Amino acid sequence: MELNTSFIARAYNATREATAPQPGGQASAYLAGAGADFAATLRQSESVAVQAMTTGADPHAMVQALAQTELAVETAVTIRNKVVEAYQEILRMPV
């Protein structure tokens, strides 16, 4: 069986652009938004805690802000653990 190398090269060049990873995309936009929300939650909770400690603001607001922060950190840790687990599973795949 004889293969024409120019035909193979043209076929490769035609499909290379279609299979190239696209920068951006939905996943990166979602992760960027999630990261921004996480940072905003931490900043808001920190400001509420500082206000409650310095000016004697509503202690219930501080407890609620700390609960939101705890939930955000637990969610971030869970996502990180799933990503690490998926990466380790990929490394275990035979080549």
PDB file of N, CA and C in Angstrom:
ATOM      1  N   MET A   1       0.855  -1.180   0.000  1.00  0.00           N
ATOM      2  CA  MET A   1       0.000   0.000   0.000  1.00  0.00           C
ATOM      3  C   MET A   1       0.894   1.234   0.000  1.00  0.00           C
ATOM      4  N   GLU A   2       0.719   2.064  -0.966  1.00  0.00           N
ATOM      5  CA  GLU A   2       1.538   3.257  -1.118  1.00  0.00           C
ATOM      6  C   GLU A   2       0.743   4.477  -0.664  1.00  0.00           C
ATOM      7  N   LEU A   3       1.350   5.288   0.196  1.00  0.00           N
ATOM      8  CA  LEU A   3       0.686   6.484   0.699  1.00  0.00           C
ATOM      9  C   LEU A   3       1.296   7.713   0.053  1.00  0.00           C
ATOM     10  N   ASN A   4       0.457   8.585  -0.386  1.00  0.00           N
ATOM     11  CA  ASN A   4       0.906   9.841  -0.966  1.00  0.00           C
ATOM     12  C   ASN A   4       1.109  10.832   0.168  1.00  0.00           C
ATOM     13  N   THR A   5       2.347  11.223   0.425  1.00  0.00           N
ATOM     14  CA  THR A   5       2.644  12.081   1.568  1.00  0.00           C
ATOM     15  C   THR A   5       2.060  13.478   1.421  1.00  0.00           C
ATOM     16  N   SER A   6       1.959  13.990   0.222  1.00  0.00           N
ATOM     17  CA  SER A   6       1.371  15.322   0.068  1.00  0.00           C
ATOM     18  C   SER A   6      -0.115  15.298   0.406  1.00  0.00           C
ATOM     19  N   PHE A   7      -0.799  14.203   0.045  1.00  0.00           N
ATOM     20  CA  PHE A   7      -2.214  14.068   0.397  1.00  0.00           C
ATOM     21  C   PHE A   7      -2.384  14.016   1.916  1.00  0.00           C
ATOM     22  N   ILE A   8      -1.519  13.280   2.578  1.00  0.00           N
ATOM     23  CA  ILE A   8      -1.586  13.155   4.029  1.00  0.00           C
ATOM     24  C   ILE A   8      -1.292  14.498   4.685  1.00  0.00           C
ATOM     25  N   ALA A   9      -0.303  15.213   4.189  1.00  0.00           N
ATOM     26  CA  ALA A   9       0.037  16.519   4.752  1.00  0.00           C
ATOM     27  C   ALA A   9      -1.112  17.511   4.582  1.00  0.00           C
ATOM     28  N   ARG A  10      -1.764  17.500   3.419  1.00  0.00           N
ATOM     29  CA  ARG A  10      -2.911  18.406   3.203  1.00  0.00           C
ATOM     30  C   ARG A  10      -4.070  18.046   4.139  1.00  0.00           C
ATOM     31  N   ALA A  11      -4.313  16.767   4.315  1.00  0.00           N
ATOM     32  CA  ALA A  11      -5.393  16.344   5.211  1.00  0.00           C
ATOM     33  C   ALA A  11      -5.095  16.762   6.642  1.00  0.00           C
ATOM     34  N   TYR A  12      -3.847  16.620   7.046  1.00  0.00           N
ATOM     35  CA  TYR A  12      -3.448  17.029   8.390  1.00  0.00           C
ATOM     36  C   TYR A  12      -3.619  18.533   8.572  1.00  0.00           C
ATOM     37  N   ASN A  13      -3.160  19.310   7.633  1.00  0.00           N
ATOM     38  CA  ASN A  13      -3.289  20.769   7.719  1.00  0.00           C
ATOM     39  C   ASN A  13      -4.744  21.210   7.741  1.00  0.00           C
ATOM     40  N   ALA A  14      -5.602  20.494   7.035  1.00  0.00           N
ATOM     41  CA  ALA A  14      -7.021  20.847   7.006  1.00  0.00           C
ATOM     42  C   ALA A  14      -7.686  20.603   8.348  1.00  0.00           C
ATOM     43  N   THR A  15      -7.267  19.570   9.054  1.00  0.00           N
ATOM     44  CA  THR A  15      -7.913  19.240  10.334  1.00  0.00           C
ATOM     45  C   THR A  15      -7.206  19.850  11.535  1.00  0.00           C
ATOM     46  N   ARG A  16      -5.991  20.323  11.369  1.00  0.00           N
ATOM     47  CA  ARG A  16      -5.231  20.854  12.502  1.00  0.00           C
ATOM     48  C   ARG A  16      -5.934  22.046  13.144  1.00  0.00           C
ATOM     49  N   GLU A  17      -6.456  22.959  12.342  1.00  0.00           N
ATOM     50  CA  GLU A  17      -7.121  24.136  12.897  1.00  0.00           C
ATOM     51  C   GLU A  17      -8.416  23.767  13.609  1.00  0.00           C
ATOM     52  N   ALA A  18      -9.136  22.790  13.094  1.00  0.00           N
ATOM     53  CA  ALA A  18     -10.407  22.397  13.689  1.00  0.00           C
ATOM     54  C   ALA A  18     -10.220  21.717  15.036  1.00  0.00           C
ATOM     55  N   THR A  19      -9.092  21.052  15.224  1.00  0.00           N
ATOM     56  CA  THR A  19      -8.879  20.330  16.477  1.00  0.00           C
ATOM     57  C   THR A  19      -8.022  21.087  17.466  1.00  0.00           C
ATOM     58  N   ALA A  20      -7.581  22.282  17.111  1.00  0.00           N
ATOM     59  CA  ALA A  20      -6.749  23.076  18.020  1.00  0.00           C
ATOM     60  C   ALA A  20      -7.588  23.576  19.189  1.00  0.00           C
ATOM     61  N   PRO A  21      -7.016  23.635  20.385  1.00  0.00           N
ATOM     62  CA  PRO A  21      -7.763  24.160  21.526  1.00  0.00           C
ATOM     63  C   PRO A  21      -8.072  25.636  21.330  1.00  0.00           C
ATOM     64  N   GLN A  22      -9.260  26.014  21.695  1.00  0.00           N
ATOM     65  CA  GLN A  22      -9.695  27.396  21.546  1.00  0.00           C
ATOM     66  C   GLN A  22      -9.456  28.151  22.841  1.00  0.00           C
ATOM     67  N   PRO A  23      -8.783  29.292  22.782  1.00  0.00           N
ATOM     68  CA  PRO A  23      -8.609  30.077  24.005  1.00  0.00           C
ATOM     69  C   PRO A  23      -9.946  30.624  24.459  1.00  0.00           C
ATOM     70  N   GLY A  24     -10.093  30.734  25.739  1.00  0.00           N
ATOM     71  CA  GLY A  24     -11.362  31.249  26.263  1.00  0.00           C
ATOM     72  C   GLY A  24     -12.364  30.126  26.374  1.00  0.00           C
ATOM     73  N   GLY A  25     -13.509  30.321  25.824  1.00  0.00           N
ATOM     74  CA  GLY A  25     -14.548  29.301  25.861  1.00  0.00           C
ATOM     75  C   GLY A  25     -15.424  29.434  27.096  1.00  0.00           C
ATOM     76  N   GLN A  26     -16.422  28.583  27.171  1.00  0.00           N
ATOM     77  CA  GLN A  26     -17.378  28.647  28.274  1.00  0.00           C
ATOM     78  C   GLN A  26     -16.770  28.247  29.601  1.00  0.00           C
ATOM     79  N   ALA A  27     -15.923  27.238  29.590  1.00  0.00           N
ATOM     80  CA  ALA A  27     -15.364  26.750  30.857  1.00  0.00           C
ATOM     81  C   ALA A  27     -14.504  27.813  31.524  1.00  0.00           C
ATOM     82  N   SER A  28     -13.668  28.477  30.752  1.00  0.00           N
ATOM     83  CA  SER A  28     -12.805  29.485  31.361  1.00  0.00           C
ATOM     84  C   SER A  28     -13.610  30.691  31.827  1.00  0.00           C
ATOM     85  N   ALA A  29     -14.659  31.049  31.099  1.00  0.00           N
ATOM     86  CA  ALA A  29     -15.514  32.159  31.528  1.00  0.00           C
ATOM     87  C   ALA A  29     -16.242  31.798  32.821  1.00  0.00           C
ATOM     88  N   TYR A  30     -16.699  30.568  32.916  1.00  0.00           N
ATOM     89  CA  TYR A  30     -17.390  30.117  34.128  1.00  0.00           C
ATOM     90  C   TYR A  30     -16.438  30.122  35.326  1.00  0.00           C
ATOM     91  N   LEU A  31     -15.220  29.602  35.122  1.00  0.00           N
ATOM     92  CA  LEU A  31     -14.254  29.562  36.221  1.00  0.00           C
ATOM     93  C   LEU A  31     -13.823  30.962  36.642  1.00  0.00           C
ATOM     94  N   ALA A  32     -13.679  31.857  35.678  1.00  0.00           N
ATOM     95  CA  ALA A  32     -13.320  33.235  36.020  1.00  0.00           C
ATOM     96  C   ALA A  32     -14.434  33.887  36.834  1.00  0.00           C
ATOM     97  N   GLY A  33     -15.666  33.654  36.449  1.00  0.00           N
ATOM     98  CA  GLY A  33     -16.799  34.192  37.200  1.00  0.00           C
ATOM     99  C   GLY A  33     -16.896  33.597  38.594  1.00  0.00           C
ATOM    100  N   ALA A  34     -16.644  32.306  38.706  1.00  0.00           N
ATOM    101  CA  ALA A  34     -16.689  31.657  40.015  1.00  0.00           C
ATOM    102  C   ALA A  34     -15.583  32.189  40.918  1.00  0.00           C
ATOM    103  N   GLY A  35     -14.416  32.398  40.347  1.00  0.00           N
ATOM    104  CA  GLY A  35     -13.313  32.955  41.136  1.00  0.00           C
ATOM    105  C   GLY A  35     -13.613  34.367  41.607  1.00  0.00           C
ATOM    106  N   ALA A  36     -14.207  35.164  40.738  1.00  0.00           N
ATOM    107  CA  ALA A  36     -14.566  36.535  41.117  1.00  0.00           C
ATOM    108  C   ALA A  36     -15.635  36.535  42.208  1.00  0.00           C
ATOM    109  N   ASP A  37     -16.621  35.644  42.105  1.00  0.00           N
ATOM    110  CA  ASP A  37     -17.652  35.542  43.139  1.00  0.00           C
ATOM    111  C   ASP A  37     -17.056  35.108  44.477  1.00  0.00           C
ATOM    112  N   PHE A  38     -16.119  34.169  44.422  1.00  0.00           N
ATOM    113  CA  PHE A  38     -15.460  33.690  45.637  1.00  0.00           C
ATOM    114  C   PHE A  38     -14.705  34.835  46.305  1.00  0.00           C
ATOM    115  N   ALA A  39     -13.953  35.585  45.529  1.00  0.00           N
ATOM    116  CA  ALA A  39     -13.186  36.710  46.081  1.00  0.00           C
ATOM    117  C   ALA A  39     -14.121  37.781  46.639  1.00  0.00           C
ATOM    118  N   ALA A  40     -15.223  38.044  45.965  1.00  0.00           N
ATOM    119  CA  ALA A  40     -16.179  39.044  46.448  1.00  0.00           C
ATOM    120  C   ALA A  40     -16.808  38.611  47.770  1.00  0.00           C
ATOM    121  N   THR A  41     -17.115  37.331  47.892  1.00  0.00           N
ATOM    122  CA  THR A  41     -17.677  36.815  49.140  1.00  0.00           C
ATOM    123  C   THR A  41     -16.683  36.984  50.287  1.00  0.00           C
ATOM    124  N   LEU A  42     -15.430  36.686  50.030  1.00  0.00           N
ATOM    125  CA  LEU A  42     -14.417  36.833  51.081  1.00  0.00           C
ATOM    126  C   LEU A  42     -14.234  38.299  51.477  1.00  0.00           C
ATOM    127  N   ARG A  43     -14.200  39.203  50.494  1.00  0.00           N
ATOM    128  CA  ARG A  43     -14.052  40.635  50.805  1.00  0.00           C
ATOM    129  C   ARG A  43     -15.246  41.153  51.607  1.00  0.00           C
ATOM    130  N   GLN A  44     -16.450  40.757  51.200  1.00  0.00           N
ATOM    131  CA  GLN A  44     -17.646  41.217  51.907  1.00  0.00           C
ATOM    132  C   GLN A  44     -17.654  40.692  53.342  1.00  0.00           C
ATOM    133  N   SER A  45     -17.337  39.437  53.525  1.00  0.00           N
ATOM    134  CA  SER A  45     -17.328  38.861  54.866  1.00  0.00           C
ATOM    135  C   SER A  45     -16.278  39.520  55.748  1.00  0.00           C
ATOM    136  N   GLU A  46     -15.137  39.817  55.160  1.00  0.00           N
ATOM    137  CA  GLU A  46     -14.083  40.477  55.931  1.00  0.00           C
ATOM    138  C   GLU A  46     -14.516  41.871  56.362  1.00  0.00           C
ATOM    139  N   SER A  47     -15.148  42.614  55.470  1.00  0.00           N
ATOM    140  CA  SER A  47     -15.585  43.966  55.836  1.00  0.00           C
ATOM    141  C   SER A  47     -16.672  43.935  56.902  1.00  0.00           C
ATOM    142  N   VAL A  48     -17.587  42.971  56.809  1.00  0.00           N
ATOM    143  CA  VAL A  48     -18.645  42.847  57.825  1.00  0.00           C
ATOM    144  C   VAL A  48     -18.031  42.479  59.173  1.00  0.00           C
ATOM    145  N   ALA A  49     -17.050  41.574  59.167  1.00  0.00           N
ATOM    146  CA  ALA A  49     -16.415  41.166  60.423  1.00  0.00           C
ATOM    147  C   ALA A  49     -15.655  42.333  61.051  1.00  0.00           C
ATOM    148  N   VAL A  50     -14.961  43.121  60.237  1.00  0.00           N
ATOM    149  CA  VAL A  50     -14.228  44.278  60.768  1.00  0.00           C
ATOM    150  C   VAL A  50     -15.199  45.293  61.355  1.00  0.00           C
ATOM    151  N   GLN A  51     -16.309  45.543  60.661  1.00  0.00           N
ATOM    152  CA  GLN A  51     -17.309  46.481  61.175  1.00  0.00           C
ATOM    153  C   GLN A  51     -17.897  45.989  62.486  1.00  0.00           C
ATOM    154  N   ALA A  52     -18.180  44.709  62.575  1.00  0.00           N
ATOM    155  CA  ALA A  52     -18.775  44.159  63.794  1.00  0.00           C
ATOM    156  C   ALA A  52     -17.805  44.248  64.969  1.00  0.00           C
ATOM    157  N   MET A  53     -16.522  44.083  64.705  1.00  0.00           N
ATOM    158  CA  MET A  53     -15.535  44.127  65.791  1.00  0.00           C
ATOM    159  C   MET A  53     -15.176  45.557  66.194  1.00  0.00           C
ATOM    160  N   THR A  54     -15.166  46.489  65.251  1.00  0.00           N
ATOM    161  CA  THR A  54     -14.719  47.847  65.571  1.00  0.00           C
ATOM    162  C   THR A  54     -15.863  48.764  65.978  1.00  0.00           C
ATOM    163  N   THR A  55     -16.987  48.680  65.323  1.00  0.00           N
ATOM    164  CA  THR A  55     -18.081  49.620  65.610  1.00  0.00           C
ATOM    165  C   THR A  55     -19.217  48.982  66.381  1.00  0.00           C
ATOM    166  N   GLY A  56     -19.134  47.695  66.637  1.00  0.00           N
ATOM    167  CA  GLY A  56     -20.216  47.041  67.370  1.00  0.00           C
ATOM    168  C   GLY A  56     -21.458  46.862  66.510  1.00  0.00           C
ATOM    169  N   ALA A  57     -21.277  46.652  65.220  1.00  0.00           N
ATOM    170  CA  ALA A  57     -22.410  46.442  64.316  1.00  0.00           C
ATOM    171  C   ALA A  57     -23.120  45.142  64.675  1.00  0.00           C
ATOM    172  N   ASP A  58     -24.143  44.830  63.916  1.00  0.00           N
ATOM    173  CA  ASP A  58     -24.996  43.677  64.183  1.00  0.00           C
ATOM    174  C   ASP A  58     -24.176  42.379  64.216  1.00  0.00           C
ATOM    175  N   PRO A  59     -24.148  41.685  65.353  1.00  0.00           N
ATOM    176  CA  PRO A  59     -23.370  40.440  65.428  1.00  0.00           C
ATOM    177  C   PRO A  59     -23.980  39.320  64.585  1.00  0.00           C
ATOM    178  N   HIS A  60     -25.288  39.401  64.350  1.00  0.00           N
ATOM    179  CA  HIS A  60     -25.935  38.384  63.515  1.00  0.00           C
ATOM    180  C   HIS A  60     -25.436  38.471  62.072  1.00  0.00           C
ATOM    181  N   ALA A  61     -25.185  39.687  61.602  1.00  0.00           N
ATOM    182  CA  ALA A  61     -24.644  39.867  60.252  1.00  0.00           C
ATOM    183  C   ALA A  61     -23.246  39.276  60.156  1.00  0.00           C
ATOM    184  N   MET A  62     -22.471  39.412  61.231  1.00  0.00           N
ATOM    185  CA  MET A  62     -21.131  38.846  61.228  1.00  0.00           C
ATOM    186  C   MET A  62     -21.189  37.322  61.180  1.00  0.00           C
ATOM    187  N   VAL A  63     -22.073  36.729  61.948  1.00  0.00           N
ATOM    188  CA  VAL A  63     -22.207  35.270  61.952  1.00  0.00           C
ATOM    189  C   VAL A  63     -22.659  34.786  60.580  1.00  0.00           C
ATOM    190  N   GLN A  64     -23.590  35.499  59.969  1.00  0.00           N
ATOM    191  CA  GLN A  64     -24.069  35.124  58.641  1.00  0.00           C
ATOM    192  C   GLN A  64     -22.946  35.254  57.606  1.00  0.00           C
ATOM    193  N   ALA A  65     -22.155  36.318  57.700  1.00  0.00           N
ATOM    194  CA  ALA A  65     -21.038  36.507  56.769  1.00  0.00           C
ATOM    195  C   ALA A  65     -19.991  35.410  56.947  1.00  0.00           C
ATOM    196  N   LEU A  66     -19.717  35.033  58.172  1.00  0.00           N
ATOM    197  CA  LEU A  66     -18.756  33.959  58.420  1.00  0.00           C
ATOM    198  C   LEU A  66     -19.270  32.611  57.905  1.00  0.00           C
ATOM    199  N   ALA A  67     -20.571  32.380  58.009  1.00  0.00           N
ATOM    200  CA  ALA A  67     -21.153  31.144  57.481  1.00  0.00           C
ATOM    201  C   ALA A  67     -21.047  31.115  55.953  1.00  0.00           C
ATOM    202  N   GLN A  68     -21.276  32.265  55.312  1.00  0.00           N
ATOM    203  CA  GLN A  68     -21.136  32.336  53.854  1.00  0.00           C
ATOM    204  C   GLN A  68     -19.688  32.085  53.445  1.00  0.00           C
ATOM    205  N   THR A  69     -18.752  32.632  54.197  1.00  0.00           N
ATOM    206  CA  THR A  69     -17.340  32.423  53.901  1.00  0.00           C
ATOM    207  C   THR A  69     -16.962  30.960  54.065  1.00  0.00           C
ATOM    208  N   GLU A  70     -17.445  30.349  55.129  1.00  0.00           N
ATOM    209  CA  GLU A  70     -17.153  28.933  55.354  1.00  0.00           C
ATOM    210  C   GLU A  70     -17.685  28.082  54.211  1.00  0.00           C
ATOM    211  N   LEU A  71     -18.904  28.363  53.753  1.00  0.00           N
ATOM    212  CA  LEU A  71     -19.494  27.619  52.641  1.00  0.00           C
ATOM    213  C   LEU A  71     -18.691  27.826  51.360  1.00  0.00           C
ATOM    214  N   ALA A  72     -18.250  29.061  51.101  1.00  0.00           N
ATOM    215  CA  ALA A  72     -17.464  29.345  49.899  1.00  0.00           C
ATOM    216  C   ALA A  72     -16.127  28.618  49.929  1.00  0.00           C
ATOM    217  N   VAL A  73     -15.467  28.601  51.082  1.00  0.00           N
ATOM    218  CA  VAL A  73     -14.172  27.924  51.187  1.00  0.00           C
ATOM    219  C   VAL A  73     -14.349  26.414  51.050  1.00  0.00           C
ATOM    220  N   GLU A  74     -15.372  25.851  51.667  1.00  0.00           N
ATOM    221  CA  GLU A  74     -15.626  24.415  51.536  1.00  0.00           C
ATOM    222  C   GLU A  74     -15.915  24.041  50.089  1.00  0.00           C
ATOM    223  N   THR A  75     -16.654  24.881  49.378  1.00  0.00           N
ATOM    224  CA  THR A  75     -16.937  24.625  47.964  1.00  0.00           C
ATOM    225  C   THR A  75     -15.662  24.677  47.146  1.00  0.00           C
ATOM    226  N   ALA A  76     -14.820  25.672  47.392  1.00  0.00           N
ATOM    227  CA  ALA A  76     -13.558  25.791  46.653  1.00  0.00           C
ATOM    228  C   ALA A  76     -12.655  24.589  46.922  1.00  0.00           C
ATOM    229  N   VAL A  77     -12.601  24.128  48.148  1.00  0.00           N
ATOM    230  CA  VAL A  77     -11.771  22.971  48.489  1.00  0.00           C
ATOM    231  C   VAL A  77     -12.318  21.707  47.826  1.00  0.00           C
ATOM    232  N   THR A  78     -13.623  21.557  47.794  1.00  0.00           N
ATOM    233  CA  THR A  78     -14.227  20.393  47.152  1.00  0.00           C
ATOM    234  C   THR A  78     -13.933  20.386  45.660  1.00  0.00           C
ATOM    235  N   ILE A  79     -14.033  21.533  45.013  1.00  0.00           N
ATOM    236  CA  ILE A  79     -13.730  21.617  43.579  1.00  0.00           C
ATOM    237  C   ILE A  79     -12.259  21.298  43.335  1.00  0.00           C
ATOM    238  N   ARG A  80     -11.381  21.851  44.168  1.00  0.00           N
ATOM    239  CA  ARG A  80      -9.959  21.561  44.029  1.00  0.00           C
ATOM    240  C   ARG A  80      -9.691  20.077  44.179  1.00  0.00           C
ATOM    241  N   ASN A  81     -10.325  19.431  45.154  1.00  0.00           N
ATOM    242  CA  ASN A  81     -10.122  17.999  45.366  1.00  0.00           C
ATOM    243  C   ASN A  81     -10.584  17.190  44.161  1.00  0.00           C
ATOM    244  N   LYS A  82     -11.701  17.575  43.557  1.00  0.00           N
ATOM    245  CA  LYS A  82     -12.198  16.867  42.375  1.00  0.00           C
ATOM    246  C   LYS A  82     -11.254  17.038  41.192  1.00  0.00           C
ATOM    247  N   VAL A  83     -10.697  18.234  41.030  1.00  0.00           N
ATOM    248  CA  VAL A  83      -9.751  18.469  39.935  1.00  0.00           C
ATOM    249  C   VAL A  83      -8.495  17.638  40.137  1.00  0.00           C
ATOM    250  N   VAL A  84      -7.978  17.594  41.347  1.00  0.00           N
ATOM    251  CA  VAL A  84      -6.783  16.794  41.639  1.00  0.00           C
ATOM    252  C   VAL A  84      -7.076  15.317  41.429  1.00  0.00           C
ATOM    253  N   GLU A  85      -8.244  14.867  41.850  1.00  0.00           N
ATOM    254  CA  GLU A  85      -8.630  13.468  41.668  1.00  0.00           C
ATOM    255  C   GLU A  85      -8.722  13.115  40.181  1.00  0.00           C
ATOM    256  N   ALA A  86      -9.302  14.000  39.381  1.00  0.00           N
ATOM    257  CA  ALA A  86      -9.399  13.763  37.943  1.00  0.00           C
ATOM    258  C   ALA A  86      -8.018  13.731  37.303  1.00  0.00           C
ATOM    259  N   TYR A  87      -7.133  14.622  37.721  1.00  0.00           N
ATOM    260  CA  TYR A  87      -5.775  14.652  37.194  1.00  0.00           C
ATOM    261  C   TYR A  87      -5.030  13.360  37.533  1.00  0.00           C
ATOM    262  N   GLN A  88      -5.178  12.895  38.761  1.00  0.00           N
ATOM    263  CA  GLN A  88      -4.521  11.653  39.162  1.00  0.00           C
ATOM    264  C   GLN A  88      -5.075  10.466  38.370  1.00  0.00           C
ATOM    265  N   GLU A  89      -6.365  10.498  38.083  1.00  0.00           N
ATOM    266  CA  GLU A  89      -6.964   9.425  37.290  1.00  0.00           C
ATOM    267  C   GLU A  89      -6.419   9.435  35.863  1.00  0.00           C
ATOM    268  N   ILE A  90      -6.208  10.617  35.307  1.00  0.00           N
ATOM    269  CA  ILE A  90      -5.624  10.719  33.969  1.00  0.00           C
ATOM    270  C   ILE A  90      -4.206  10.179  33.970  1.00  0.00           C
ATOM    271  N   LEU A  91      -3.458  10.475  35.038  1.00  0.00           N
ATOM    272  CA  LEU A  91      -2.084   9.978  35.111  1.00  0.00           C
ATOM    273  C   LEU A  91      -2.026   8.455  35.205  1.00  0.00           C
ATOM    274  N   ARG A  92      -3.059   7.854  35.761  1.00  0.00           N
ATOM    275  CA  ARG A  92      -3.078   6.381  35.901  1.00  0.00           C
ATOM    276  C   ARG A  92      -3.454   5.682  34.604  1.00  0.00           C
ATOM    277  N   MET A  93      -3.940   6.416  33.611  1.00  0.00           N
ATOM    278  CA  MET A  93      -4.371   5.782  32.359  1.00  0.00           C
ATOM    279  C   MET A  93      -3.160   5.247  31.603  1.00  0.00           C
ATOM    280  N   PRO A  94      -3.317   4.041  31.053  1.00  0.00           N
ATOM    281  CA  PRO A  94      -2.207   3.519  30.257  1.00  0.00           C
ATOM    282  C   PRO A  94      -2.103   4.268  28.925  1.00  0.00           C
ATOM    283  N   VAL A  95      -0.882   4.397  28.480  1.00  0.00           N
ATOM    284  CA  VAL A  95      -0.650   5.122  27.229  1.00  0.00           C
ATOM    285  C   VAL A  95      -0.599   4.170  26.071  1.00  0.00           C
TER     286      VAL A  95
END
